[in-house]
């Protein structure tokens, strides 16, 4: 039972540190961007980036969700167009015949 409790506490700490790491990476990117735009030092830029992220978190979330939706639509479009093109190619392959009635070989790379 002592081992199970320590594993549980370790996993909780691991999860918390993973979340902190992801947040700090995101904050770090925004701090570097703010440094490049404003020309201030890193700590001041990190403070400004934190304020911006805290104040506009709902905007960032909605923009991120919208971006994910657009990417999903793009992937769906590419998949469907590939399936349609593949079906058309299969139909064309069966309908193409040369003068002797033998099937032409398509070279696909």
PDB file of N, CA and C in Angstrom:
ATOM      1  N   UNK A   1       0.832  -1.192   0.000  1.00  0.00           N
ATOM      2  CA  UNK A   1       0.000   0.000   0.000  1.00  0.00           C
ATOM      3  C   UNK A   1       0.874   1.253   0.000  1.00  0.00           C
ATOM      4  N   UNK A   2       1.997   1.179   0.668  1.00  0.00           N
ATOM      5  CA  UNK A   2       2.910   2.326   0.697  1.00  0.00           C
ATOM      6  C   UNK A   2       3.472   2.594  -0.700  1.00  0.00           C
ATOM      7  N   UNK A   3       3.768   1.523  -1.451  1.00  0.00           N
ATOM      8  CA  UNK A   3       4.284   1.664  -2.809  1.00  0.00           C
ATOM      9  C   UNK A   3       3.245   2.250  -3.752  1.00  0.00           C
ATOM     10  N   UNK A   4       1.998   1.865  -3.577  1.00  0.00           N
ATOM     11  CA  UNK A   4       0.926   2.380  -4.440  1.00  0.00           C
ATOM     12  C   UNK A   4       0.717   3.869  -4.188  1.00  0.00           C
ATOM     13  N   UNK A   5       0.779   4.274  -2.936  1.00  0.00           N
ATOM     14  CA  UNK A   5       0.612   5.696  -2.603  1.00  0.00           C
ATOM     15  C   UNK A   5       1.762   6.521  -3.166  1.00  0.00           C
ATOM     16  N   UNK A   6       2.966   6.020  -3.056  1.00  0.00           N
ATOM     17  CA  UNK A   6       4.107   6.768  -3.587  1.00  0.00           C
ATOM     18  C   UNK A   6       4.058   6.849  -5.111  1.00  0.00           C
ATOM     19  N   UNK A   7       3.609   5.763  -5.781  1.00  0.00           N
ATOM     20  CA  UNK A   7       3.441   5.824  -7.246  1.00  0.00           C
ATOM     21  C   UNK A   7       2.383   6.847  -7.629  1.00  0.00           C
ATOM     22  N   UNK A   8       1.278   6.895  -6.879  1.00  0.00           N
ATOM     23  CA  UNK A   8       0.214   7.859  -7.149  1.00  0.00           C
ATOM     24  C   UNK A   8       0.730   9.286  -6.980  1.00  0.00           C
ATOM     25  N   UNK A   9       1.447   9.540  -5.900  1.00  0.00           N
ATOM     26  CA  UNK A   9       1.995  10.878  -5.671  1.00  0.00           C
ATOM     27  C   UNK A   9       3.016  11.245  -6.749  1.00  0.00           C
ATOM     28  N   UNK A  10       3.836  10.287  -7.155  1.00  0.00           N
ATOM     29  CA  UNK A  10       4.801  10.533  -8.225  1.00  0.00           C
ATOM     30  C   UNK A  10       4.095  10.889  -9.519  1.00  0.00           C
ATOM     31  N   UNK A  11       3.040  10.149  -9.849  1.00  0.00           N
ATOM     32  CA  UNK A  11       2.301  10.438 -11.093  1.00  0.00           C
ATOM     33  C   UNK A  11       1.623  11.793 -11.029  1.00  0.00           C
ATOM     34  N   UNK A  12       1.101  12.167  -9.872  1.00  0.00           N
ATOM     35  CA  UNK A  12       0.488  13.496  -9.727  1.00  0.00           C
ATOM     36  C   UNK A  12       1.534  14.597  -9.919  1.00  0.00           C
ATOM     37  N   UNK A  13       2.675  14.421  -9.285  1.00  0.00           N
ATOM     38  CA  UNK A  13       3.757  15.404  -9.441  1.00  0.00           C
ATOM     39  C   UNK A  13       4.238  15.454 -10.884  1.00  0.00           C
ATOM     40  N   UNK A  14       4.365  14.292 -11.515  1.00  0.00           N
ATOM     41  CA  UNK A  14       4.795  14.226 -12.904  1.00  0.00           C
ATOM     42  C   UNK A  14       3.819  14.975 -13.807  1.00  0.00           C
ATOM     43  N   UNK A  15       2.538  14.779 -13.579  1.00  0.00           N
ATOM     44  CA  UNK A  15       1.513  15.454 -14.374  1.00  0.00           C
ATOM     45  C   UNK A  15       1.576  16.963 -14.165  1.00  0.00           C
ATOM     46  N   UNK A  16       1.738  17.392 -12.922  1.00  0.00           N
ATOM     47  CA  UNK A  16       1.819  18.831 -12.628  1.00  0.00           C
ATOM     48  C   UNK A  16       3.055  19.452 -13.285  1.00  0.00           C
ATOM     49  N   UNK A  17       4.187  18.776 -13.199  1.00  0.00           N
ATOM     50  CA  UNK A  17       5.399  19.315 -13.820  1.00  0.00           C
ATOM     51  C   UNK A  17       5.318  19.302 -15.338  1.00  0.00           C
ATOM     52  N   UNK A  18       4.637  18.303 -15.912  1.00  0.00           N
ATOM     53  CA  UNK A  18       4.440  18.266 -17.365  1.00  0.00           C
ATOM     54  C   UNK A  18       3.603  19.467 -17.806  1.00  0.00           C
ATOM     55  N   UNK A  19       2.513  19.731 -17.072  1.00  0.00           N
ATOM     56  CA  UNK A  19       1.668  20.896 -17.400  1.00  0.00           C
ATOM     57  C   UNK A  19       2.455  22.195 -17.250  1.00  0.00           C
ATOM     58  N   UNK A  20       3.239  22.312 -16.191  1.00  0.00           N
ATOM     59  CA  UNK A  20       4.056  23.502 -15.978  1.00  0.00           C
ATOM     60  C   UNK A  20       5.070  23.674 -17.100  1.00  0.00           C
ATOM     61  N   UNK A  21       5.677  22.582 -17.524  1.00  0.00           N
ATOM     62  CA  UNK A  21       6.651  22.633 -18.611  1.00  0.00           C
ATOM     63  C   UNK A  21       6.004  23.134 -19.896  1.00  0.00           C
ATOM     64  N   UNK A  22       4.830  22.610 -20.230  1.00  0.00           N
ATOM     65  CA  UNK A  22       4.139  23.042 -21.450  1.00  0.00           C
ATOM     66  C   UNK A  22       3.763  24.518 -21.368  1.00  0.00           C
ATOM     67  N   UNK A  23       3.294  24.963 -20.209  1.00  0.00           N
ATOM     68  CA  UNK A  23       2.926  26.367 -20.045  1.00  0.00           C
ATOM     69  C   UNK A  23       4.161  27.261 -20.157  1.00  0.00           C
ATOM     70  N   UNK A  24       5.260  26.852 -19.548  1.00  0.00           N
ATOM     71  CA  UNK A  24       6.476  27.663 -19.611  1.00  0.00           C
ATOM     72  C   UNK A  24       7.042  27.720 -21.026  1.00  0.00           C
ATOM     73  N   UNK A  25       6.929  26.627 -21.776  1.00  0.00           N
ATOM     74  CA  UNK A  25       7.363  26.669 -23.177  1.00  0.00           C
ATOM     75  C   UNK A  25       6.542  27.673 -23.971  1.00  0.00           C
ATOM     76  N   UNK A  26       5.231  27.670 -23.743  1.00  0.00           N
ATOM     77  CA  UNK A  26       4.348  28.613 -24.427  1.00  0.00           C
ATOM     78  C   UNK A  26       4.663  30.055 -24.004  1.00  0.00           C
ATOM     79  N   UNK A  27       4.847  30.249 -22.712  1.00  0.00           N
ATOM     80  CA  UNK A  27       5.194  31.578 -22.204  1.00  0.00           C
ATOM     81  C   UNK A  27       6.545  32.026 -22.739  1.00  0.00           C
ATOM     82  N   UNK A  28       7.490  31.110 -22.842  1.00  0.00           N
ATOM     83  CA  UNK A  28       8.825  31.414 -23.339  1.00  0.00           C
ATOM     84  C   UNK A  28       8.763  31.894 -24.791  1.00  0.00           C
ATOM     85  N   UNK A  29       7.970  31.217 -25.618  1.00  0.00           N
ATOM     86  CA  UNK A  29       7.813  31.638 -27.015  1.00  0.00           C
ATOM     87  C   UNK A  29       7.237  33.037 -27.100  1.00  0.00           C
ATOM     88  N   UNK A  30       6.214  33.291 -26.292  1.00  0.00           N
ATOM     89  CA  UNK A  30       5.605  34.621 -26.305  1.00  0.00           C
ATOM     90  C   UNK A  30       6.547  35.679 -25.746  1.00  0.00           C
ATOM     91  N   UNK A  31       7.370  35.304 -24.776  1.00  0.00           N
ATOM     92  CA  UNK A  31       8.336  36.253 -24.224  1.00  0.00           C
ATOM     93  C   UNK A  31       9.385  36.620 -25.272  1.00  0.00           C
ATOM     94  N   UNK A  32       9.868  35.643 -26.025  1.00  0.00           N
ATOM     95  CA  UNK A  32      10.834  35.944 -27.083  1.00  0.00           C
ATOM     96  C   UNK A  32      10.208  36.812 -28.174  1.00  0.00           C
ATOM     97  N   UNK A  33       8.948  36.538 -28.495  1.00  0.00           N
ATOM     98  CA  UNK A  33       8.253  37.362 -29.483  1.00  0.00           C
ATOM     99  C   UNK A  33       8.106  38.790 -28.982  1.00  0.00           C
ATOM    100  N   UNK A  34       7.735  38.942 -27.727  1.00  0.00           N
ATOM    101  CA  UNK A  34       7.589  40.277 -27.139  1.00  0.00           C
ATOM    102  C   UNK A  34       8.936  40.986 -27.077  1.00  0.00           C
ATOM    103  N   UNK A  35       9.988  40.244 -26.799  1.00  0.00           N
ATOM    104  CA  UNK A  35      11.332  40.825 -26.803  1.00  0.00           C
ATOM    105  C   UNK A  35      11.680  41.358 -28.185  1.00  0.00           C
ATOM    106  N   UNK A  36      11.363  40.578 -29.212  1.00  0.00           N
ATOM    107  CA  UNK A  36      11.681  40.994 -30.580  1.00  0.00           C
ATOM    108  C   UNK A  36      10.862  42.209 -31.001  1.00  0.00           C
ATOM    109  N   UNK A  37       9.611  42.267 -30.571  1.00  0.00           N
ATOM    110  CA  UNK A  37       8.743  43.373 -30.983  1.00  0.00           C
ATOM    111  C   UNK A  37       9.084  44.649 -30.224  1.00  0.00           C
ATOM    112  N   UNK A  38       9.196  44.561 -28.904  1.00  0.00           N
ATOM    113  CA  UNK A  38       9.380  45.758 -28.071  1.00  0.00           C
ATOM    114  C   UNK A  38      10.836  46.130 -27.850  1.00  0.00           C
ATOM    115  N   UNK A  39      11.734  45.178 -27.985  1.00  0.00           N
ATOM    116  CA  UNK A  39      13.144  45.456 -27.736  1.00  0.00           C
ATOM    117  C   UNK A  39      13.488  45.558 -26.256  1.00  0.00           C
ATOM    118  N   UNK A  40      12.656  44.963 -25.398  1.00  0.00           N
ATOM    119  CA  UNK A  40      12.920  44.989 -23.957  1.00  0.00           C
ATOM    120  C   UNK A  40      13.678  43.723 -23.561  1.00  0.00           C
ATOM    121  N   UNK A  41      14.156  43.684 -22.306  1.00  0.00           N
ATOM    122  CA  UNK A  41      14.865  42.490 -21.862  1.00  0.00           C
ATOM    123  C   UNK A  41      13.889  41.333 -21.644  1.00  0.00           C
ATOM    124  N   UNK A  42      14.444  40.146 -21.433  1.00  0.00           N
ATOM    125  CA  UNK A  42      13.614  38.943 -21.414  1.00  0.00           C
ATOM    126  C   UNK A  42      12.639  38.944 -20.245  1.00  0.00           C
ATOM    127  N   UNK A  43      13.072  39.340 -19.051  1.00  0.00           N
ATOM    128  CA  UNK A  43      12.192  39.289 -17.874  1.00  0.00           C
ATOM    129  C   UNK A  43      11.006  40.236 -18.024  1.00  0.00           C
ATOM    130  N   UNK A  44      11.263  41.425 -18.512  1.00  0.00           N
ATOM    131  CA  UNK A  44      10.176  42.383 -18.744  1.00  0.00           C
ATOM    132  C   UNK A  44       9.228  41.853 -19.816  1.00  0.00           C
ATOM    133  N   UNK A  45       9.791  41.269 -20.858  1.00  0.00           N
ATOM    134  CA  UNK A  45       8.962  40.707 -21.920  1.00  0.00           C
ATOM    135  C   UNK A  45       8.148  39.516 -21.419  1.00  0.00           C
ATOM    136  N   UNK A  46       8.745  38.692 -20.562  1.00  0.00           N
ATOM    137  CA  UNK A  46       8.013  37.555 -20.000  1.00  0.00           C
ATOM    138  C   UNK A  46       6.858  38.040 -19.132  1.00  0.00           C
ATOM    139  N   UNK A  47       7.089  39.097 -18.357  1.00  0.00           N
ATOM    140  CA  UNK A  47       6.019  39.670 -17.531  1.00  0.00           C
ATOM    141  C   UNK A  47       4.905  40.210 -18.415  1.00  0.00           C
ATOM    142  N   UNK A  48       5.259  40.921 -19.476  1.00  0.00           N
ATOM    143  CA  UNK A  48       4.250  41.453 -20.397  1.00  0.00           C
ATOM    144  C   UNK A  48       3.503  40.324 -21.102  1.00  0.00           C
ATOM    145  N   UNK A  49       4.226  39.299 -21.514  1.00  0.00           N
ATOM    146  CA  UNK A  49       3.590  38.158 -22.189  1.00  0.00           C
ATOM    147  C   UNK A  49       2.633  37.434 -21.248  1.00  0.00           C
ATOM    148  N   UNK A  50       3.036  37.306 -19.978  1.00  0.00           N
ATOM    149  CA  UNK A  50       2.149  36.670 -18.992  1.00  0.00           C
ATOM    150  C   UNK A  50       0.881  37.482 -18.803  1.00  0.00           C
ATOM    151  N   UNK A  51       1.007  38.804 -18.731  1.00  0.00           N
ATOM    152  CA  UNK A  51      -0.177  39.656 -18.594  1.00  0.00           C
ATOM    153  C   UNK A  51      -1.091  39.521 -19.800  1.00  0.00           C
ATOM    154  N   UNK A  52      -0.502  39.506 -20.987  1.00  0.00           N
ATOM    155  CA  UNK A  52      -1.299  39.377 -22.207  1.00  0.00           C
ATOM    156  C   UNK A  52      -1.991  38.017 -22.259  1.00  0.00           C
ATOM    157  N   UNK A  53      -1.252  36.954 -21.930  1.00  0.00           N
ATOM    158  CA  UNK A  53      -1.846  35.617 -21.938  1.00  0.00           C
ATOM    159  C   UNK A  53      -2.951  35.489 -20.900  1.00  0.00           C
ATOM    160  N   UNK A  54      -2.755  36.081 -19.731  1.00  0.00           N
ATOM    161  CA  UNK A  54      -3.762  35.991 -18.674  1.00  0.00           C
ATOM    162  C   UNK A  54      -5.012  36.788 -19.035  1.00  0.00           C
ATOM    163  N   UNK A  55      -4.805  37.970 -19.599  1.00  0.00           N
ATOM    164  CA  UNK A  55      -5.930  38.836 -19.921  1.00  0.00           C
ATOM    165  C   UNK A  55      -6.738  38.294 -21.100  1.00  0.00           C
ATOM    166  N   UNK A  56      -6.067  37.734 -22.082  1.00  0.00           N
ATOM    167  CA  UNK A  56      -6.728  37.319 -23.316  1.00  0.00           C
ATOM    168  C   UNK A  56      -6.788  35.807 -23.486  1.00  0.00           C
ATOM    169  N   UNK A  57      -6.863  35.071 -22.390  1.00  0.00           N
ATOM    170  CA  UNK A  57      -6.843  33.610 -22.504  1.00  0.00           C
ATOM    171  C   UNK A  57      -8.057  33.084 -23.257  1.00  0.00           C
ATOM    172  N   UNK A  58      -9.214  33.722 -23.097  1.00  0.00           N
ATOM    173  CA  UNK A  58     -10.397  33.250 -23.823  1.00  0.00           C
ATOM    174  C   UNK A  58     -10.237  33.479 -25.320  1.00  0.00           C
ATOM    175  N   UNK A  59      -9.597  34.579 -25.706  1.00  0.00           N
ATOM    176  CA  UNK A  59      -9.369  34.840 -27.122  1.00  0.00           C
ATOM    177  C   UNK A  59      -8.402  33.818 -27.715  1.00  0.00           C
ATOM    178  N   UNK A  60      -7.333  33.521 -26.979  1.00  0.00           N
ATOM    179  CA  UNK A  60      -6.365  32.531 -27.454  1.00  0.00           C
ATOM    180  C   UNK A  60      -7.027  31.161 -27.601  1.00  0.00           C
ATOM    181  N   UNK A  61      -7.886  30.818 -26.642  1.00  0.00           N
ATOM    182  CA  UNK A  61      -8.563  29.527 -26.689  1.00  0.00           C
ATOM    183  C   UNK A  61      -9.493  29.444 -27.889  1.00  0.00           C
ATOM    184  N   UNK A  62     -10.263  30.493 -28.110  1.00  0.00           N
ATOM    185  CA  UNK A  62     -11.203  30.454 -29.234  1.00  0.00           C
ATOM    186  C   UNK A  62     -10.462  30.439 -30.566  1.00  0.00           C
ATOM    187  N   UNK A  63      -9.384  31.197 -30.678  1.00  0.00           N
ATOM    188  CA  UNK A  63      -8.607  31.199 -31.919  1.00  0.00           C
ATOM    189  C   UNK A  63      -7.962  29.833 -32.148  1.00  0.00           C
ATOM    190  N   UNK A  64      -7.473  29.220 -31.076  1.00  0.00           N
ATOM    191  CA  UNK A  64      -6.859  27.908 -31.189  1.00  0.00           C
ATOM    192  C   UNK A  64      -7.884  26.862 -31.620  1.00  0.00           C
ATOM    193  N   UNK A  65      -9.084  26.911 -31.031  1.00  0.00           N
ATOM    194  CA  UNK A  65     -10.135  25.957 -31.416  1.00  0.00           C
ATOM    195  C   UNK A  65     -10.546  26.172 -32.864  1.00  0.00           C
ATOM    196  N   UNK A  66     -10.660  27.423 -33.286  1.00  0.00           N
ATOM    197  CA  UNK A  66     -11.020  27.718 -34.670  1.00  0.00           C
ATOM    198  C   UNK A  66      -9.941  27.212 -35.624  1.00  0.00           C
ATOM    199  N   UNK A  67      -8.687  27.421 -35.271  1.00  0.00           N
ATOM    200  CA  UNK A  67      -7.579  26.928 -36.091  1.00  0.00           C
ATOM    201  C   UNK A  67      -7.581  25.413 -36.195  1.00  0.00           C
ATOM    202  N   UNK A  68      -7.852  24.738 -35.081  1.00  0.00           N
ATOM    203  CA  UNK A  68      -7.925  23.273 -35.103  1.00  0.00           C
ATOM    204  C   UNK A  68      -9.059  22.795 -36.006  1.00  0.00           C
ATOM    205  N   UNK A  69     -10.180  23.508 -35.976  1.00  0.00           N
ATOM    206  CA  UNK A  69     -11.312  23.143 -36.826  1.00  0.00           C
ATOM    207  C   UNK A  69     -10.967  23.321 -38.306  1.00  0.00           C
ATOM    208  N   UNK A  70     -10.286  24.403 -38.642  1.00  0.00           N
ATOM    209  CA  UNK A  70      -9.891  24.644 -40.034  1.00  0.00           C
ATOM    210  C   UNK A  70      -8.910  23.566 -40.500  1.00  0.00           C
ATOM    211  N   UNK A  71      -7.978  23.182 -39.639  1.00  0.00           N
ATOM    212  CA  UNK A  71      -7.033  22.114 -39.985  1.00  0.00           C
ATOM    213  C   UNK A  71      -7.776  20.797 -40.195  1.00  0.00           C
ATOM    214  N   UNK A  72      -8.769  20.523 -39.349  1.00  0.00           N
ATOM    215  CA  UNK A  72      -9.583  19.317 -39.510  1.00  0.00           C
ATOM    216  C   UNK A  72     -10.314  19.327 -40.849  1.00  0.00           C
ATOM    217  N   UNK A  73     -10.901  20.470 -41.211  1.00  0.00           N
ATOM    218  CA  UNK A  73     -11.583  20.562 -42.505  1.00  0.00           C
ATOM    219  C   UNK A  73     -10.607  20.345 -43.664  1.00  0.00           C
ATOM    220  N   UNK A  74      -9.420  20.914 -43.561  1.00  0.00           N
ATOM    221  CA  UNK A  74      -8.418  20.733 -44.602  1.00  0.00           C
ATOM    222  C   UNK A  74      -8.003  19.281 -44.753  1.00  0.00           C
ATOM    223  N   UNK A  75      -7.781  18.595 -43.634  1.00  0.00           N
ATOM    224  CA  UNK A  75      -7.405  17.183 -43.689  1.00  0.00           C
ATOM    225  C   UNK A  75      -8.536  16.347 -44.282  1.00  0.00           C
ATOM    226  N   UNK A  76      -9.785  16.667 -43.895  1.00  0.00           N
ATOM    227  CA  UNK A  76     -10.923  15.936 -44.437  1.00  0.00           C
ATOM    228  C   UNK A  76     -11.033  16.143 -45.937  1.00  0.00           C
ATOM    229  N   UNK A  77     -10.821  17.375 -46.391  1.00  0.00           N
ATOM    230  CA  UNK A  77     -10.885  17.666 -47.812  1.00  0.00           C
ATOM    231  C   UNK A  77      -9.817  16.898 -48.587  1.00  0.00           C
ATOM    232  N   UNK A  78      -8.603  16.872 -48.057  1.00  0.00           N
ATOM    233  CA  UNK A  78      -7.513  16.158 -48.721  1.00  0.00           C
ATOM    234  C   UNK A  78      -7.811  14.663 -48.777  1.00  0.00           C
ATOM    235  N   UNK A  79      -8.316  14.088 -47.682  1.00  0.00           N
ATOM    236  CA  UNK A  79      -8.631  12.656 -47.667  1.00  0.00           C
ATOM    237  C   UNK A  79      -9.708  12.324 -48.691  1.00  0.00           C
ATOM    238  N   UNK A  80     -10.777  13.132 -48.712  1.00  0.00           N
ATOM    239  CA  UNK A  80     -11.878  12.851 -49.642  1.00  0.00           C
ATOM    240  C   UNK A  80     -11.442  13.028 -51.091  1.00  0.00           C
ATOM    241  N   UNK A  81     -10.664  14.068 -51.365  1.00  0.00           N
ATOM    242  CA  UNK A  81     -10.218  14.263 -52.744  1.00  0.00           C
ATOM    243  C   UNK A  81      -9.277  13.134 -53.177  1.00  0.00           C
ATOM    244  N   UNK A  82      -8.443  12.647 -52.268  1.00  0.00           N
ATOM    245  CA  UNK A  82      -7.576  11.512 -52.603  1.00  0.00           C
ATOM    246  C   UNK A  82      -8.392  10.254 -52.882  1.00  0.00           C
ATOM    247  N   UNK A  83      -9.446  10.019 -52.093  1.00  0.00           N
ATOM    248  CA  UNK A  83     -10.294   8.855 -52.333  1.00  0.00           C
ATOM    249  C   UNK A  83     -10.999   8.963 -53.672  1.00  0.00           C
ATOM    250  N   UNK A  84     -11.510  10.151 -53.988  1.00  0.00           N
ATOM    251  CA  UNK A  84     -12.180  10.336 -55.279  1.00  0.00           C
ATOM    252  C   UNK A  84     -11.211  10.163 -56.443  1.00  0.00           C
ATOM    253  N   UNK A  85     -10.036  10.741 -56.323  1.00  0.00           N
ATOM    254  CA  UNK A  85      -9.042  10.598 -57.382  1.00  0.00           C
ATOM    255  C   UNK A  85      -8.612   9.142 -57.560  1.00  0.00           C
ATOM    256  N   UNK A  86      -8.488   8.425 -56.454  1.00  0.00           N
ATOM    257  CA  UNK A  86      -8.121   7.015 -56.519  1.00  0.00           C
ATOM    258  C   UNK A  86      -9.221   6.209 -57.202  1.00  0.00           C
ATOM    259  N   UNK A  87     -10.478   6.492 -56.862  1.00  0.00           N
ATOM    260  CA  UNK A  87     -11.595   5.781 -57.485  1.00  0.00           C
ATOM    261  C   UNK A  87     -11.648   6.077 -58.987  1.00  0.00           C
ATOM    262  N   UNK A  88     -11.428   7.325 -59.358  1.00  0.00           N
ATOM    263  CA  UNK A  88     -11.420   7.681 -60.783  1.00  0.00           C
ATOM    264  C   UNK A  88     -10.264   7.002 -61.514  1.00  0.00           C
ATOM    265  N   UNK A  89      -9.113   6.945 -60.867  1.00  0.00           N
ATOM    266  CA  UNK A  89      -7.963   6.292 -61.491  1.00  0.00           C
ATOM    267  C   UNK A  89      -8.221   4.809 -61.686  1.00  0.00           C
ATOM    268  N   UNK A  90      -8.876   4.183 -60.709  1.00  0.00           N
ATOM    269  CA  UNK A  90      -9.202   2.761 -60.846  1.00  0.00           C
ATOM    270  C   UNK A  90     -10.191   2.533 -61.988  1.00  0.00           C
ATOM    271  N   UNK A  91     -11.179   3.426 -62.123  1.00  0.00           N
ATOM    272  CA  UNK A  91     -12.134   3.294 -63.220  1.00  0.00           C
ATOM    273  C   UNK A  91     -11.447   3.513 -64.563  1.00  0.00           C
ATOM    274  N   UNK A  92     -10.584   4.509 -64.629  1.00  0.00           N
ATOM    275  CA  UNK A  92      -9.876   4.787 -65.874  1.00  0.00           C
ATOM    276  C   UNK A  92      -8.941   3.644 -66.244  1.00  0.00           C
ATOM    277  N   UNK A  93      -8.341   3.027 -65.261  1.00  0.00           N
ATOM    278  CA  UNK A  93      -7.421   1.913 -65.514  1.00  0.00           C
ATOM    279  C   UNK A  93      -8.163   0.748 -66.162  1.00  0.00           C
ATOM    280  N   UNK A  94      -9.381   0.486 -65.688  1.00  0.00           N
ATOM    281  CA  UNK A  94     -10.149  -0.616 -66.244  1.00  0.00           C
ATOM    282  C   UNK A  94     -10.750  -0.272 -67.607  1.00  0.00           C
ATOM    283  N   UNK A  95     -10.986   1.005 -67.860  1.00  0.00           N
ATOM    284  CA  UNK A  95     -11.600   1.384 -69.137  1.00  0.00           C
ATOM    285  C   UNK A  95     -10.570   1.624 -70.240  1.00  0.00           C
ATOM    286  N   UNK A  96      -9.296   1.834 -69.877  1.00  0.00           N
ATOM    287  CA  UNK A  96      -8.273   2.059 -70.894  1.00  0.00           C
ATOM    288  C   UNK A  96      -7.835   0.734 -71.514  1.00  0.00           C
ATOM    289  N   UNK A  97      -7.959   0.651 -72.779  1.00  0.00           N
ATOM    290  CA  UNK A  97      -7.519  -0.532 -73.516  1.00  0.00           C
ATOM    291  C   UNK A  97      -6.814  -0.055 -74.779  1.00  0.00           C
ATOM    292  N   UNK A  98      -5.818  -0.794 -75.204  1.00  0.00           N
ATOM    293  CA  UNK A  98      -5.187  -0.440 -76.478  1.00  0.00           C
ATOM    294  C   UNK A  98      -5.891  -1.178 -77.616  1.00  0.00           C
ATOM    295  N   UNK A  99      -5.362  -1.095 -78.801  1.00  0.00           N
ATOM    296  CA  UNK A  99      -6.037  -1.642 -79.966  1.00  0.00           C
ATOM    297  C   UNK A  99      -6.253  -3.156 -79.883  1.00  0.00           C
ATOM    298  N   UNK A 100      -5.372  -3.918 -79.246  1.00  0.00           N
ATOM    299  CA  UNK A 100      -5.479  -5.363 -79.188  1.00  0.00           C
ATOM    300  C   UNK A 100      -6.377  -5.834 -78.045  1.00  0.00           C
ATOM    301  N   UNK A 101      -6.887  -4.915 -77.235  1.00  0.00           N
ATOM    302  CA  UNK A 101      -7.774  -5.318 -76.154  1.00  0.00           C
ATOM    303  C   UNK A 101      -7.077  -5.671 -74.872  1.00  0.00           C
ATOM    304  N   UNK A 102      -5.767  -5.464 -74.778  1.00  0.00           N
ATOM    305  CA  UNK A 102      -5.053  -5.754 -73.531  1.00  0.00           C
ATOM    306  C   UNK A 102      -4.998  -4.492 -72.687  1.00  0.00           C
ATOM    307  N   UNK A 103      -4.930  -4.678 -71.401  1.00  0.00           N
ATOM    308  CA  UNK A 103      -4.951  -3.543 -70.477  1.00  0.00           C
ATOM    309  C   UNK A 103      -3.609  -2.827 -70.481  1.00  0.00           C
ATOM    310  N   UNK A 104      -3.671  -1.512 -70.470  1.00  0.00           N
ATOM    311  CA  UNK A 104      -2.442  -0.731 -70.395  1.00  0.00           C
ATOM    312  C   UNK A 104      -1.907  -0.750 -68.977  1.00  0.00           C
ATOM    313  N   UNK A 105      -0.616  -0.766 -68.857  1.00  0.00           N
ATOM    314  CA  UNK A 105       0.019  -0.748 -67.539  1.00  0.00           C
ATOM    315  C   UNK A 105       0.317   0.682 -67.142  1.00  0.00           C
ATOM    316  N   UNK A 106      -0.181   1.098 -65.993  1.00  0.00           N
ATOM    317  CA  UNK A 106       0.089   2.449 -65.486  1.00  0.00           C
ATOM    318  C   UNK A 106       1.323   2.404 -64.609  1.00  0.00           C
ATOM    319  N   UNK A 107       2.169   3.396 -64.773  1.00  0.00           N
ATOM    320  CA  UNK A 107       3.385   3.501 -63.964  1.00  0.00           C
ATOM    321  C   UNK A 107       3.083   4.473 -62.833  1.00  0.00           C
ATOM    322  N   UNK A 108       3.104   3.978 -61.613  1.00  0.00           N
ATOM    323  CA  UNK A 108       2.819   4.808 -60.446  1.00  0.00           C
ATOM    324  C   UNK A 108       4.053   4.805 -59.562  1.00  0.00           C
ATOM    325  N   UNK A 109       4.548   5.981 -59.235  1.00  0.00           N
ATOM    326  CA  UNK A 109       5.721   6.097 -58.376  1.00  0.00           C
ATOM    327  C   UNK A 109       5.398   6.926 -57.203  1.00  0.00           C
TER     328      UNK A 109
END
